[in-house]
Amino acid sequence: MAKIKYENWRPGPEVMSEIRRAEQICRAYAAQGYDLTLRQLYYQFVARDWIPNTMQSYKRLGDIVNKARLAGLLDWNYIVDRTRNLRSNSHWRDPDSIINAAARSFQVDKWADQERRVEVWVEKEALAGIVERVASEHDVAWFSCRGYVSQSELWGAAQRHYRYIKGGQGVTVLHLGDHDPSGIDMTRDIRDRLEKFLDYDWLNAHVDEFEGDRVLIRDIRDAMRRHVGDHPIEVRRIALNYNQVEEYDPPPNPAKLTDSRANGYVAEHGYDSWELDALDPNTLAGLITEHVEGLRDDDLYEVQQSIEDEHRRLLELASSRWDDIVDLLRS
C-alpha cells in the first residue's frame, strides 16, 4: 500500500463515496495483477452507471483522483501513466546477483519451431501494460502502435516478417483497436502496407523465379504460399469488433463526424463508437490468450519450455556456487 498524505483535503460525502468506489475497483484489479490508467478507471465508472459518459465527467473524476492521492485517500500505485517512464541502466551488487537475475529472465525462443509466428499489436499506449503482461506469458512479441503505425516502424516490421517467411514460418498479427472510423481503418492500413512491402521484397529477392516482364501480385503470393503454406502474412482484428460491442456492452461515444472515414463508418455502424479501453482487462487478456493458443502447437511449445527450465536450473546452480566458480577460475 502506498497511501501517502501530502495535502489536507476533506471531501464531502458524495465525493468520498466516489473515492471509495475508485478504491474498490482498483483494489480488485490490483489483486489480479493489473494497474489502471485514469481512462480505464473512468470507463469502469461509466460501465457501472455511476457517472455519465461525458468529457465533463472524465475531468471531474480525474480531479477527484488527483486530490484523493495527494490527501492520502487513494493508493499511488493504483493509477499509472504508461506514456511517460524513466529509463536507466541496470546495476548489480556482485557477479552472482546478475547470474541469478539471468536465471530468472532467461528464455529460449519457444516459437522457433512453430508453424507460425504471432505478434500482438494494440492501437493505444494506455493498454500496453495489459498487452505486455499476457503477450509475455505466451512468449509472443507485442507492439503499441499509438494510432496509425509510422512508415518506418511498419517497414521494419515487414523486414522482420520477411525473415520469418523466408525461414518457413507464416506470420499472424493480432490487432486490437477502437471501434470508431479510424480505429477500424487502422487494421486495413496495417494489412495493406505489410502486404505491399512483403510482396515487393519477395519479388526483388526471387525475381529470377518469375517469367516475363509483368509479374502479377497473385503470382508473388502463390510463390510465398508454396514456401510457407496458406496465409504467409495474416492481420487478424481480434478487438474491438461489433459482435463484442453487442456482447460486452461498453459505453458508447459519438463517432467523430469530422473523421474522413466517418461516412462509411456511420453507414455501417451508426453514429456511436466504442473505445478499447472500456473493455475489462481480463476480457482483453482472455481474447489475446484465446487467439494465441489457437495458433500454437502445444507439444512443440512444451518441448521448448522444458529446455528453458533446464537452462534456468543450471544458471541458478551457477549463481548459488559462485564462490566455487571464482576459485576454479583463479586456480
C-alpha atoms as a PDB file:
ATOM      1  CA  MET A   1       0.000   0.000   0.000  1.00  0.00           C
ATOM      2  CA  ALA A   2       1.235   3.496  -0.827  1.00  0.00           C
ATOM      3  CA  LYS A   3      -1.275   5.917   0.687  1.00  0.00           C
ATOM      4  CA  ILE A   4       0.854   8.962   1.454  1.00  0.00           C
ATOM      5  CA  LYS A   5      -0.594  12.289   2.565  1.00  0.00           C
ATOM      6  CA  TYR A   6       0.861  15.458   1.050  1.00  0.00           C
ATOM      7  CA  GLU A   7      -2.066  17.843   1.376  1.00  0.00           C
ATOM      8  CA  ASN A   8      -5.064  18.390   3.636  1.00  0.00           C
ATOM      9  CA  TRP A   9      -8.400  17.772   1.940  1.00  0.00           C
ATOM     10  CA  ARG A  10     -11.770  16.867   3.401  1.00  0.00           C
ATOM     11  CA  PRO A  11     -14.149  15.782   0.627  1.00  0.00           C
ATOM     12  CA  GLY A  12     -17.882  15.794   1.158  1.00  0.00           C
ATOM     13  CA  PRO A  13     -19.952  12.594   1.470  1.00  0.00           C
ATOM     14  CA  GLU A  14     -20.743  12.359  -2.268  1.00  0.00           C
ATOM     15  CA  VAL A  15     -17.121  12.735  -3.353  1.00  0.00           C
ATOM     16  CA  MET A  16     -15.939  10.403  -0.600  1.00  0.00           C
ATOM     17  CA  SER A  17     -18.334   7.788  -1.953  1.00  0.00           C
ATOM     18  CA  GLU A  18     -16.697   8.095  -5.379  1.00  0.00           C
ATOM     19  CA  ILE A  19     -13.238   7.726  -3.844  1.00  0.00           C
ATOM     20  CA  ARG A  20     -14.353   4.517  -2.115  1.00  0.00           C
ATOM     21  CA  ARG A  21     -15.734   3.229  -5.417  1.00  0.00           C
ATOM     22  CA  ALA A  22     -12.432   4.028  -7.153  1.00  0.00           C
ATOM     23  CA  GLU A  23     -10.531   2.196  -4.442  1.00  0.00           C
ATOM     24  CA  GLN A  24     -12.875  -0.791  -4.703  1.00  0.00           C
ATOM     25  CA  ILE A  25     -12.255  -1.098  -8.457  1.00  0.00           C
ATOM     26  CA  CYS A  26      -8.514  -0.507  -8.231  1.00  0.00           C
ATOM     27  CA  ARG A  27      -8.066  -2.958  -5.360  1.00  0.00           C
ATOM     28  CA  ALA A  28      -9.929  -5.669  -7.272  1.00  0.00           C
ATOM     29  CA  TYR A  29      -7.711  -5.231 -10.315  1.00  0.00           C
ATOM     30  CA  ALA A  30      -4.543  -5.000  -8.226  1.00  0.00           C
ATOM     31  CA  ALA A  31      -5.418  -8.377  -6.688  1.00  0.00           C
ATOM     32  CA  GLN A  32      -5.325  -9.796 -10.238  1.00  0.00           C
ATOM     33  CA  GLY A  33      -2.000  -8.122 -11.008  1.00  0.00           C
ATOM     34  CA  TYR A  34      -3.346  -5.169 -13.015  1.00  0.00           C
ATOM     35  CA  ASP A  35      -2.922  -1.446 -12.598  1.00  0.00           C
ATOM     36  CA  LEU A  36      -5.179   1.040 -14.395  1.00  0.00           C
ATOM     37  CA  THR A  37      -4.893   4.261 -16.321  1.00  0.00           C
ATOM     38  CA  LEU A  38      -7.270   7.060 -15.376  1.00  0.00           C
ATOM     39  CA  ARG A  39      -9.122   6.430 -18.652  1.00  0.00           C
ATOM     40  CA  GLN A  40      -9.681   2.760 -17.774  1.00  0.00           C
ATOM     41  CA  LEU A  41     -10.898   3.640 -14.290  1.00  0.00           C
ATOM     42  CA  TYR A  42     -13.288   6.183 -15.795  1.00  0.00           C
ATOM     43  CA  TYR A  43     -14.805   3.562 -18.093  1.00  0.00           C
ATOM     44  CA  GLN A  44     -15.332   1.232 -15.150  1.00  0.00           C
ATOM     45  CA  PHE A  45     -17.394   4.004 -13.522  1.00  0.00           C
ATOM     46  CA  VAL A  46     -19.349   4.561 -16.733  1.00  0.00           C
ATOM     47  CA  ALA A  47     -19.979   0.849 -17.260  1.00  0.00           C
ATOM     48  CA  ARG A  48     -21.484   0.638 -13.767  1.00  0.00           C
ATOM     49  CA  ASP A  49     -23.766   3.637 -14.464  1.00  0.00           C
ATOM     50  CA  TRP A  50     -22.140   5.607 -11.667  1.00  0.00           C
ATOM     51  CA  ILE A  51     -21.352   8.603 -13.894  1.00  0.00           C
ATOM     52  CA  PRO A  52     -22.409   9.715 -17.397  1.00  0.00           C
ATOM     53  CA  ASN A  53     -20.064   9.202 -20.331  1.00  0.00           C
ATOM     54  CA  THR A  54     -19.056  12.837 -20.901  1.00  0.00           C
ATOM     55  CA  MET A  55     -15.820  14.787 -21.030  1.00  0.00           C
ATOM     56  CA  GLN A  56     -17.016  16.756 -18.013  1.00  0.00           C
ATOM     57  CA  SER A  57     -17.388  13.535 -16.012  1.00  0.00           C
ATOM     58  CA  TYR A  58     -13.933  12.363 -17.076  1.00  0.00           C
ATOM     59  CA  LYS A  59     -12.300  15.613 -15.994  1.00  0.00           C
ATOM     60  CA  ARG A  60     -14.216  15.625 -12.704  1.00  0.00           C
ATOM     61  CA  LEU A  61     -13.153  12.052 -11.876  1.00  0.00           C
ATOM     62  CA  GLY A  62      -9.551  12.914 -12.756  1.00  0.00           C
ATOM     63  CA  ASP A  63      -9.657  15.869 -10.398  1.00  0.00           C
ATOM     64  CA  ILE A  64     -11.100  13.726  -7.588  1.00  0.00           C
ATOM     65  CA  VAL A  65      -8.474  11.006  -8.082  1.00  0.00           C
ATOM     66  CA  ASN A  66      -5.678  13.574  -8.119  1.00  0.00           C
ATOM     67  CA  LYS A  67      -6.838  15.210  -4.883  1.00  0.00           C
ATOM     68  CA  ALA A  68      -7.510  11.842  -3.222  1.00  0.00           C
ATOM     69  CA  ARG A  69      -3.981  10.652  -3.895  1.00  0.00           C
ATOM     70  CA  LEU A  70      -2.457  13.871  -2.561  1.00  0.00           C
ATOM     71  CA  ALA A  71      -4.647  13.615   0.553  1.00  0.00           C
ATOM     72  CA  GLY A  72      -3.575  10.036   1.271  1.00  0.00           C
ATOM     73  CA  LEU A  73      -7.022   8.611   0.466  1.00  0.00           C
ATOM     74  CA  LEU A  74      -6.053   6.553  -2.589  1.00  0.00           C
ATOM     75  CA  ASP A  75      -3.022   4.339  -3.216  1.00  0.00           C
ATOM     76  CA  TRP A  76      -0.481   5.948  -5.556  1.00  0.00           C
ATOM     77  CA  ASN A  77       0.295   2.586  -7.173  1.00  0.00           C
ATOM     78  CA  TYR A  78      -3.262   2.053  -8.417  1.00  0.00           C
ATOM     79  CA  ILE A  79      -3.205   4.581 -11.273  1.00  0.00           C
ATOM     80  CA  VAL A  80      -0.374   4.654 -13.827  1.00  0.00           C
ATOM     81  CA  ASP A  81       0.746   6.787 -16.758  1.00  0.00           C
ATOM     82  CA  ARG A  82       2.105   4.399 -19.383  1.00  0.00           C
ATOM     83  CA  THR A  83       3.238   7.128 -21.774  1.00  0.00           C
ATOM     84  CA  ARG A  84       5.946   8.668 -19.586  1.00  0.00           C
ATOM     85  CA  ASN A  85       8.564   6.440 -17.960  1.00  0.00           C
ATOM     86  CA  LEU A  86      12.104   6.904 -16.692  1.00  0.00           C
ATOM     87  CA  ARG A  87      14.796   4.768 -18.374  1.00  0.00           C
ATOM     88  CA  SER A  88      18.123   3.873 -16.791  1.00  0.00           C
ATOM     89  CA  ASN A  89      20.946   1.311 -16.892  1.00  0.00           C
ATOM     90  CA  SER A  90      20.766  -1.818 -14.755  1.00  0.00           C
ATOM     91  CA  HIS A  91      23.223  -2.212 -11.886  1.00  0.00           C
ATOM     92  CA  TRP A  92      24.362  -5.239  -9.881  1.00  0.00           C
ATOM     93  CA  ARG A  93      25.837  -5.731  -6.420  1.00  0.00           C
ATOM     94  CA  ASP A  94      28.185  -8.548  -7.491  1.00  0.00           C
ATOM     95  CA  PRO A  95      28.550 -11.085 -10.339  1.00  0.00           C
ATOM     96  CA  ASP A  96      26.465 -13.809  -8.723  1.00  0.00           C
ATOM     97  CA  SER A  97      23.488 -11.420  -8.467  1.00  0.00           C
ATOM     98  CA  ILE A  98      23.491 -10.844 -12.227  1.00  0.00           C
ATOM     99  CA  ILE A  99      23.700 -14.581 -12.851  1.00  0.00           C
ATOM    100  CA  ASN A 100      20.754 -15.077 -10.533  1.00  0.00           C
ATOM    101  CA  ALA A 101      18.824 -12.384 -12.401  1.00  0.00           C
ATOM    102  CA  ALA A 102      19.788 -14.005 -15.706  1.00  0.00           C
ATOM    103  CA  ALA A 103      18.406 -17.300 -14.442  1.00  0.00           C
ATOM    104  CA  ARG A 104      15.040 -15.673 -13.713  1.00  0.00           C
ATOM    105  CA  SER A 105      14.891 -13.858 -17.052  1.00  0.00           C
ATOM    106  CA  PHE A 106      16.476 -16.485 -19.313  1.00  0.00           C
ATOM    107  CA  GLN A 107      14.179 -17.593 -22.102  1.00  0.00           C
ATOM    108  CA  VAL A 108      14.554 -19.665 -25.231  1.00  0.00           C
ATOM    109  CA  ASP A 109      12.545 -18.773 -28.326  1.00  0.00           C
ATOM    110  CA  LYS A 110       9.566 -21.064 -27.757  1.00  0.00           C
ATOM    111  CA  TRP A 111       8.098 -20.185 -31.174  1.00  0.00           C
ATOM    112  CA  ALA A 112      11.247 -21.062 -33.147  1.00  0.00           C
ATOM    113  CA  ASP A 113       9.826 -24.324 -34.493  1.00  0.00           C
ATOM    114  CA  GLN A 114       6.158 -23.343 -34.649  1.00  0.00           C
ATOM    115  CA  GLU A 115       4.330 -23.220 -37.973  1.00  0.00           C
ATOM    116  CA  ARG A 116       3.515 -19.519 -37.445  1.00  0.00           C
ATOM    117  CA  ARG A 117       4.902 -16.525 -35.622  1.00  0.00           C
ATOM    118  CA  VAL A 118       2.443 -14.417 -33.644  1.00  0.00           C
ATOM    119  CA  GLU A 119       2.657 -10.730 -32.712  1.00  0.00           C
ATOM    120  CA  VAL A 120       0.140  -8.623 -30.769  1.00  0.00           C
ATOM    121  CA  TRP A 121      -0.348  -5.010 -31.900  1.00  0.00           C
ATOM    122  CA  VAL A 122      -2.515  -2.616 -29.894  1.00  0.00           C
ATOM    123  CA  GLU A 123      -3.649   0.825 -31.022  1.00  0.00           C
ATOM    124  CA  LYS A 124      -3.248   2.513 -27.635  1.00  0.00           C
ATOM    125  CA  GLU A 125      -0.218   3.000 -25.431  1.00  0.00           C
ATOM    126  CA  ALA A 126      -2.553   3.184 -22.414  1.00  0.00           C
ATOM    127  CA  LEU A 127      -3.293  -0.547 -22.808  1.00  0.00           C
ATOM    128  CA  ALA A 128       0.336  -1.557 -23.220  1.00  0.00           C
ATOM    129  CA  GLY A 129       0.587  -2.894 -19.660  1.00  0.00           C
ATOM    130  CA  ILE A 130      -2.230  -5.391 -20.177  1.00  0.00           C
ATOM    131  CA  VAL A 131      -0.952  -6.479 -23.585  1.00  0.00           C
ATOM    132  CA  GLU A 132       2.643  -6.773 -22.393  1.00  0.00           C
ATOM    133  CA  ARG A 133       1.656  -8.988 -19.481  1.00  0.00           C
ATOM    134  CA  VAL A 134      -0.372 -11.528 -21.465  1.00  0.00           C
ATOM    135  CA  ALA A 135       1.942 -11.470 -24.501  1.00  0.00           C
ATOM    136  CA  SER A 136       4.962 -12.103 -22.277  1.00  0.00           C
ATOM    137  CA  GLU A 137       3.204 -15.032 -20.630  1.00  0.00           C
ATOM    138  CA  HIS A 138       2.912 -16.658 -24.064  1.00  0.00           C
ATOM    139  CA  ASP A 139       6.353 -15.568 -25.303  1.00  0.00           C
ATOM    140  CA  VAL A 140       4.969 -13.536 -28.207  1.00  0.00           C
ATOM    141  CA  ALA A 141       6.169 -10.109 -29.320  1.00  0.00           C
ATOM    142  CA  TRP A 142       3.876  -7.123 -28.811  1.00  0.00           C
ATOM    143  CA  PHE A 143       3.779  -3.576 -30.098  1.00  0.00           C
ATOM    144  CA  SER A 144       1.991  -0.338 -29.142  1.00  0.00           C
ATOM    145  CA  CYS A 145       1.013   1.332 -32.431  1.00  0.00           C
ATOM    146  CA  ARG A 146      -0.046   4.696 -30.962  1.00  0.00           C
ATOM    147  CA  GLY A 147      -2.623   5.165 -33.688  1.00  0.00           C
ATOM    148  CA  TYR A 148      -1.633   4.711 -37.312  1.00  0.00           C
ATOM    149  CA  VAL A 149       1.751   2.983 -37.498  1.00  0.00           C
ATOM    150  CA  SER A 150       4.607   5.099 -38.819  1.00  0.00           C
ATOM    151  CA  GLN A 151       6.066   4.153 -42.191  1.00  0.00           C
ATOM    152  CA  SER A 152       9.466   3.457 -40.616  1.00  0.00           C
ATOM    153  CA  GLU A 153       8.051   1.113 -37.984  1.00  0.00           C
ATOM    154  CA  LEU A 154       5.852  -0.731 -40.465  1.00  0.00           C
ATOM    155  CA  TRP A 155       8.714  -1.184 -42.914  1.00  0.00           C
ATOM    156  CA  GLY A 156      10.834  -2.568 -40.070  1.00  0.00           C
ATOM    157  CA  ALA A 157       8.026  -4.982 -39.165  1.00  0.00           C
ATOM    158  CA  ALA A 158       7.815  -6.127 -42.794  1.00  0.00           C
ATOM    159  CA  GLN A 159      11.555  -6.822 -42.819  1.00  0.00           C
ATOM    160  CA  ARG A 160      11.167  -8.922 -39.679  1.00  0.00           C
ATOM    161  CA  HIS A 161       8.183 -10.780 -41.109  1.00  0.00           C
ATOM    162  CA  TYR A 162      10.037 -11.386 -44.372  1.00  0.00           C
ATOM    163  CA  ARG A 163      12.809 -13.130 -42.424  1.00  0.00           C
ATOM    164  CA  TYR A 164      10.233 -15.357 -40.729  1.00  0.00           C
ATOM    165  CA  ILE A 165       8.551 -16.216 -44.039  1.00  0.00           C
ATOM    166  CA  LYS A 166      11.911 -16.858 -45.711  1.00  0.00           C
ATOM    167  CA  GLY A 167      12.706 -19.198 -42.812  1.00  0.00           C
ATOM    168  CA  GLY A 168       9.498 -21.154 -43.398  1.00  0.00           C
ATOM    169  CA  GLN A 169       7.109 -19.609 -40.878  1.00  0.00           C
ATOM    170  CA  GLY A 170       3.901 -17.741 -41.600  1.00  0.00           C
ATOM    171  CA  VAL A 171       3.098 -14.635 -39.528  1.00  0.00           C
ATOM    172  CA  THR A 172      -0.122 -13.627 -37.764  1.00  0.00           C
ATOM    173  CA  VAL A 173      -0.515 -10.103 -36.381  1.00  0.00           C
ATOM    174  CA  LEU A 174      -3.308  -9.868 -33.810  1.00  0.00           C
ATOM    175  CA  HIS A 175      -4.577  -6.278 -33.880  1.00  0.00           C
ATOM    176  CA  LEU A 176      -6.649  -4.527 -31.190  1.00  0.00           C
ATOM    177  CA  GLY A 177      -8.126  -1.078 -31.761  1.00  0.00           C
ATOM    178  CA  ASP A 178     -11.055   1.215 -31.032  1.00  0.00           C
ATOM    179  CA  HIS A 179     -14.362   0.648 -32.803  1.00  0.00           C
ATOM    180  CA  ASP A 180     -14.512   4.044 -34.492  1.00  0.00           C
ATOM    181  CA  PRO A 181     -13.860   5.294 -38.043  1.00  0.00           C
ATOM    182  CA  SER A 182     -10.074   5.464 -37.730  1.00  0.00           C
ATOM    183  CA  GLY A 183      -9.709   2.516 -35.348  1.00  0.00           C
ATOM    184  CA  ILE A 184     -11.438   0.184 -37.819  1.00  0.00           C
ATOM    185  CA  ASP A 185      -9.412   1.546 -40.732  1.00  0.00           C
ATOM    186  CA  MET A 186      -6.100   1.038 -38.913  1.00  0.00           C
ATOM    187  CA  THR A 187      -6.424  -2.740 -39.277  1.00  0.00           C
ATOM    188  CA  ARG A 188      -6.930  -2.348 -43.017  1.00  0.00           C
ATOM    189  CA  ASP A 189      -3.973   0.027 -43.240  1.00  0.00           C
ATOM    190  CA  ILE A 190      -1.619  -2.354 -41.407  1.00  0.00           C
ATOM    191  CA  ARG A 191      -2.662  -5.244 -43.642  1.00  0.00           C
ATOM    192  CA  ASP A 192      -2.315  -3.292 -46.901  1.00  0.00           C
ATOM    193  CA  ARG A 193       1.107  -1.836 -46.159  1.00  0.00           C
ATOM    194  CA  LEU A 194       2.578  -5.059 -44.749  1.00  0.00           C
ATOM    195  CA  GLU A 195       1.403  -6.985 -47.820  1.00  0.00           C
ATOM    196  CA  LYS A 196       2.828  -4.346 -50.155  1.00  0.00           C
ATOM    197  CA  PHE A 197       6.263  -4.411 -48.540  1.00  0.00           C
ATOM    198  CA  LEU A 198       6.348  -8.206 -48.394  1.00  0.00           C
ATOM    199  CA  ASP A 199       5.157  -8.651 -51.993  1.00  0.00           C
ATOM    200  CA  TYR A 200       7.921  -6.464 -53.365  1.00  0.00           C
ATOM    201  CA  ASP A 201      10.611  -7.753 -51.008  1.00  0.00           C
ATOM    202  CA  TRP A 202       9.795 -11.298 -52.107  1.00  0.00           C
ATOM    203  CA  LEU A 203       9.790 -10.289 -55.773  1.00  0.00           C
ATOM    204  CA  ASN A 204      13.133  -8.481 -55.501  1.00  0.00           C
ATOM    205  CA  ALA A 205      14.736 -11.473 -53.785  1.00  0.00           C
ATOM    206  CA  HIS A 206      13.291 -14.080 -56.191  1.00  0.00           C
ATOM    207  CA  VAL A 207      12.998 -12.172 -59.460  1.00  0.00           C
ATOM    208  CA  ASP A 208      14.721 -14.969 -61.411  1.00  0.00           C
ATOM    209  CA  GLU A 209      11.932 -17.386 -60.474  1.00  0.00           C
ATOM    210  CA  PHE A 210       9.262 -15.409 -62.364  1.00  0.00           C
ATOM    211  CA  GLU A 211       8.783 -15.482 -66.127  1.00  0.00           C
ATOM    212  CA  GLY A 212       8.151 -12.427 -68.280  1.00  0.00           C
ATOM    213  CA  ASP A 213       8.389  -8.719 -67.633  1.00  0.00           C
ATOM    214  CA  ARG A 214       4.981  -8.371 -65.992  1.00  0.00           C
ATOM    215  CA  VAL A 215       4.625 -10.160 -62.647  1.00  0.00           C
ATOM    216  CA  LEU A 216       1.213 -10.195 -61.015  1.00  0.00           C
ATOM    217  CA  ILE A 217       0.714  -9.858 -57.252  1.00  0.00           C
ATOM    218  CA  ARG A 218      -1.118 -13.175 -57.199  1.00  0.00           C
ATOM    219  CA  ASP A 219       1.975 -14.857 -58.699  1.00  0.00           C
ATOM    220  CA  ILE A 220       4.141 -13.490 -55.902  1.00  0.00           C
ATOM    221  CA  ARG A 221       1.692 -14.582 -53.217  1.00  0.00           C
ATOM    222  CA  ASP A 222       1.371 -18.026 -54.772  1.00  0.00           C
ATOM    223  CA  ALA A 223       5.150 -18.334 -54.535  1.00  0.00           C
ATOM    224  CA  MET A 224       5.105 -17.357 -50.860  1.00  0.00           C
ATOM    225  CA  ARG A 225       2.293 -19.821 -50.170  1.00  0.00           C
ATOM    226  CA  ARG A 226       4.298 -22.617 -51.768  1.00  0.00           C
ATOM    227  CA  HIS A 227       7.085 -21.727 -49.347  1.00  0.00           C
ATOM    228  CA  VAL A 228       5.155 -21.472 -46.065  1.00  0.00           C
ATOM    229  CA  GLY A 229       1.586 -22.643 -46.767  1.00  0.00           C
ATOM    230  CA  ASP A 230      -1.635 -20.638 -46.776  1.00  0.00           C
ATOM    231  CA  HIS A 231      -1.676 -17.073 -45.399  1.00  0.00           C
ATOM    232  CA  PRO A 232       2.048 -16.187 -45.298  1.00  0.00           C
ATOM    233  CA  ILE A 233       1.000 -12.921 -43.608  1.00  0.00           C
ATOM    234  CA  GLU A 234      -2.286 -12.556 -41.734  1.00  0.00           C
ATOM    235  CA  VAL A 235      -3.538  -9.455 -39.945  1.00  0.00           C
ATOM    236  CA  ARG A 236      -6.384 -10.528 -37.680  1.00  0.00           C
ATOM    237  CA  ARG A 237      -8.500  -7.925 -35.885  1.00  0.00           C
ATOM    238  CA  ILE A 238      -9.450  -9.507 -32.546  1.00  0.00           C
ATOM    239  CA  ALA A 239     -10.920  -6.404 -30.841  1.00  0.00           C
ATOM    240  CA  LEU A 240     -12.897  -4.243 -30.760  1.00  0.00           C
ATOM    241  CA  ASN A 241     -15.417  -5.810 -33.168  1.00  0.00           C
ATOM    242  CA  TYR A 242     -19.132  -5.124 -33.364  1.00  0.00           C
ATOM    243  CA  ASN A 243     -20.127  -8.560 -32.060  1.00  0.00           C
ATOM    244  CA  GLN A 244     -18.006  -7.783 -28.977  1.00  0.00           C
ATOM    245  CA  VAL A 245     -19.775  -4.445 -28.587  1.00  0.00           C
ATOM    246  CA  GLU A 246     -23.044  -6.387 -28.524  1.00  0.00           C
ATOM    247  CA  GLU A 247     -21.685  -8.981 -26.095  1.00  0.00           C
ATOM    248  CA  TYR A 248     -19.847  -6.741 -23.595  1.00  0.00           C
ATOM    249  CA  ASP A 249     -21.956  -3.572 -23.990  1.00  0.00           C
ATOM    250  CA  PRO A 250     -19.205  -0.980 -23.418  1.00  0.00           C
ATOM    251  CA  PRO A 251     -20.386   2.643 -23.048  1.00  0.00           C
ATOM    252  CA  PRO A 252     -20.704   4.398 -26.430  1.00  0.00           C
ATOM    253  CA  ASN A 253     -19.205   7.659 -27.602  1.00  0.00           C
ATOM    254  CA  PRO A 254     -20.363   9.795 -30.536  1.00  0.00           C
ATOM    255  CA  ALA A 255     -18.473   8.879 -33.705  1.00  0.00           C
ATOM    256  CA  LYS A 256     -16.176  11.681 -34.876  1.00  0.00           C
ATOM    257  CA  LEU A 257     -18.020  13.038 -37.899  1.00  0.00           C
ATOM    258  CA  THR A 258     -15.002  15.168 -38.826  1.00  0.00           C
ATOM    259  CA  ASP A 259     -13.019  11.962 -39.474  1.00  0.00           C
ATOM    260  CA  SER A 260     -12.543  11.477 -43.219  1.00  0.00           C
ATOM    261  CA  ARG A 261     -13.711   7.870 -42.797  1.00  0.00           C
ATOM    262  CA  ALA A 262     -16.870   8.770 -40.879  1.00  0.00           C
ATOM    263  CA  ASN A 263     -19.377   8.428 -43.746  1.00  0.00           C
ATOM    264  CA  GLY A 264     -18.562   4.795 -44.424  1.00  0.00           C
ATOM    265  CA  TYR A 265     -18.444   4.001 -40.727  1.00  0.00           C
ATOM    266  CA  VAL A 266     -21.811   5.649 -39.976  1.00  0.00           C
ATOM    267  CA  ALA A 267     -23.438   3.888 -42.931  1.00  0.00           C
ATOM    268  CA  GLU A 268     -22.399   0.515 -41.484  1.00  0.00           C
ATOM    269  CA  HIS A 269     -22.431   1.045 -37.710  1.00  0.00           C
ATOM    270  CA  GLY A 270     -24.432   4.181 -36.963  1.00  0.00           C
ATOM    271  CA  TYR A 271     -23.381   7.260 -35.024  1.00  0.00           C
ATOM    272  CA  ASP A 272     -21.918   5.520 -31.956  1.00  0.00           C
ATOM    273  CA  SER A 273     -18.320   4.443 -31.466  1.00  0.00           C
ATOM    274  CA  TRP A 274     -16.619   2.476 -28.685  1.00  0.00           C
ATOM    275  CA  GLU A 275     -13.157   2.614 -27.118  1.00  0.00           C
ATOM    276  CA  LEU A 276     -10.996  -0.431 -26.495  1.00  0.00           C
ATOM    277  CA  ASP A 277     -10.170   0.942 -23.026  1.00  0.00           C
ATOM    278  CA  ALA A 278     -13.763   0.298 -21.950  1.00  0.00           C
ATOM    279  CA  LEU A 279     -13.282  -3.482 -22.012  1.00  0.00           C
ATOM    280  CA  ASP A 280     -12.361  -5.180 -18.760  1.00  0.00           C
ATOM    281  CA  PRO A 281      -8.605  -6.016 -18.633  1.00  0.00           C
ATOM    282  CA  ASN A 282      -9.384  -9.691 -18.049  1.00  0.00           C
ATOM    283  CA  THR A 283     -11.579  -9.689 -21.155  1.00  0.00           C
ATOM    284  CA  LEU A 284      -8.756  -8.230 -23.250  1.00  0.00           C
ATOM    285  CA  ALA A 285      -6.259 -10.698 -21.815  1.00  0.00           C
ATOM    286  CA  GLY A 286      -8.657 -13.558 -22.469  1.00  0.00           C
ATOM    287  CA  LEU A 287      -9.151 -12.556 -26.112  1.00  0.00           C
ATOM    288  CA  ILE A 288      -5.409 -12.416 -26.725  1.00  0.00           C
ATOM    289  CA  THR A 289      -4.835 -15.740 -24.975  1.00  0.00           C
ATOM    290  CA  GLU A 290      -7.610 -17.436 -26.950  1.00  0.00           C
ATOM    291  CA  HIS A 291      -6.154 -16.428 -30.313  1.00  0.00           C
ATOM    292  CA  VAL A 292      -2.514 -17.092 -29.378  1.00  0.00           C
ATOM    293  CA  GLU A 293      -3.285 -20.571 -28.071  1.00  0.00           C
ATOM    294  CA  GLY A 294      -5.369 -21.290 -31.150  1.00  0.00           C
ATOM    295  CA  LEU A 295      -2.293 -20.686 -33.317  1.00  0.00           C
ATOM    296  CA  ARG A 296       0.165 -22.612 -31.150  1.00  0.00           C
ATOM    297  CA  ASP A 297       1.289 -26.253 -31.274  1.00  0.00           C
ATOM    298  CA  ASP A 298       1.278 -27.044 -27.554  1.00  0.00           C
ATOM    299  CA  ASP A 299       3.500 -30.130 -27.845  1.00  0.00           C
ATOM    300  CA  LEU A 300       6.273 -28.191 -29.593  1.00  0.00           C
ATOM    301  CA  TYR A 301       5.864 -25.346 -27.123  1.00  0.00           C
ATOM    302  CA  GLU A 302       6.219 -27.654 -24.120  1.00  0.00           C
ATOM    303  CA  VAL A 303       9.448 -29.128 -25.508  1.00  0.00           C
ATOM    304  CA  GLN A 304      10.970 -25.664 -25.650  1.00  0.00           C
ATOM    305  CA  GLN A 305       9.610 -24.882 -22.179  1.00  0.00           C
ATOM    306  CA  SER A 306      11.418 -27.951 -20.801  1.00  0.00           C
ATOM    307  CA  ILE A 307      14.681 -26.830 -22.404  1.00  0.00           C
ATOM    308  CA  GLU A 308      14.235 -23.363 -20.904  1.00  0.00           C
ATOM    309  CA  ASP A 309      13.536 -24.781 -17.437  1.00  0.00           C
ATOM    310  CA  GLU A 310      16.716 -26.869 -17.531  1.00  0.00           C
ATOM    311  CA  HIS A 311      18.884 -23.933 -18.607  1.00  0.00           C
ATOM    312  CA  ARG A 312      17.403 -21.814 -15.823  1.00  0.00           C
ATOM    313  CA  ARG A 313      18.142 -24.553 -13.302  1.00  0.00           C
ATOM    314  CA  LEU A 314      21.800 -24.626 -14.369  1.00  0.00           C
ATOM    315  CA  LEU A 315      22.086 -20.839 -14.128  1.00  0.00           C
ATOM    316  CA  GLU A 316      20.580 -20.880 -10.635  1.00  0.00           C
ATOM    317  CA  LEU A 317      23.050 -23.576  -9.650  1.00  0.00           C
ATOM    318  CA  ALA A 318      25.927 -21.479 -11.005  1.00  0.00           C
ATOM    319  CA  SER A 319      24.706 -18.480  -9.002  1.00  0.00           C
ATOM    320  CA  SER A 320      24.459 -20.491  -5.783  1.00  0.00           C
ATOM    321  CA  ARG A 321      28.012 -21.823  -6.267  1.00  0.00           C
ATOM    322  CA  TRP A 322      29.605 -18.610  -7.500  1.00  0.00           C
ATOM    323  CA  ASP A 323      32.413 -18.702  -4.912  1.00  0.00           C
ATOM    324  CA  ASP A 324      33.412 -22.173  -6.150  1.00  0.00           C
ATOM    325  CA  ILE A 325      33.412 -20.944  -9.740  1.00  0.00           C
ATOM    326  CA  VAL A 326      35.625 -17.962  -8.801  1.00  0.00           C
ATOM    327  CA  ASP A 327      38.086 -20.299  -7.057  1.00  0.00           C
ATOM    328  CA  LEU A 328      38.153 -22.516 -10.134  1.00  0.00           C
ATOM    329  CA  LEU A 329      38.744 -19.590 -12.498  1.00  0.00           C
ATOM    330  CA  ARG A 330      41.552 -18.231 -10.330  1.00  0.00           C
ATOM    331  CA  SER A 331      43.316 -21.558  -9.854  1.00  0.00           C
END
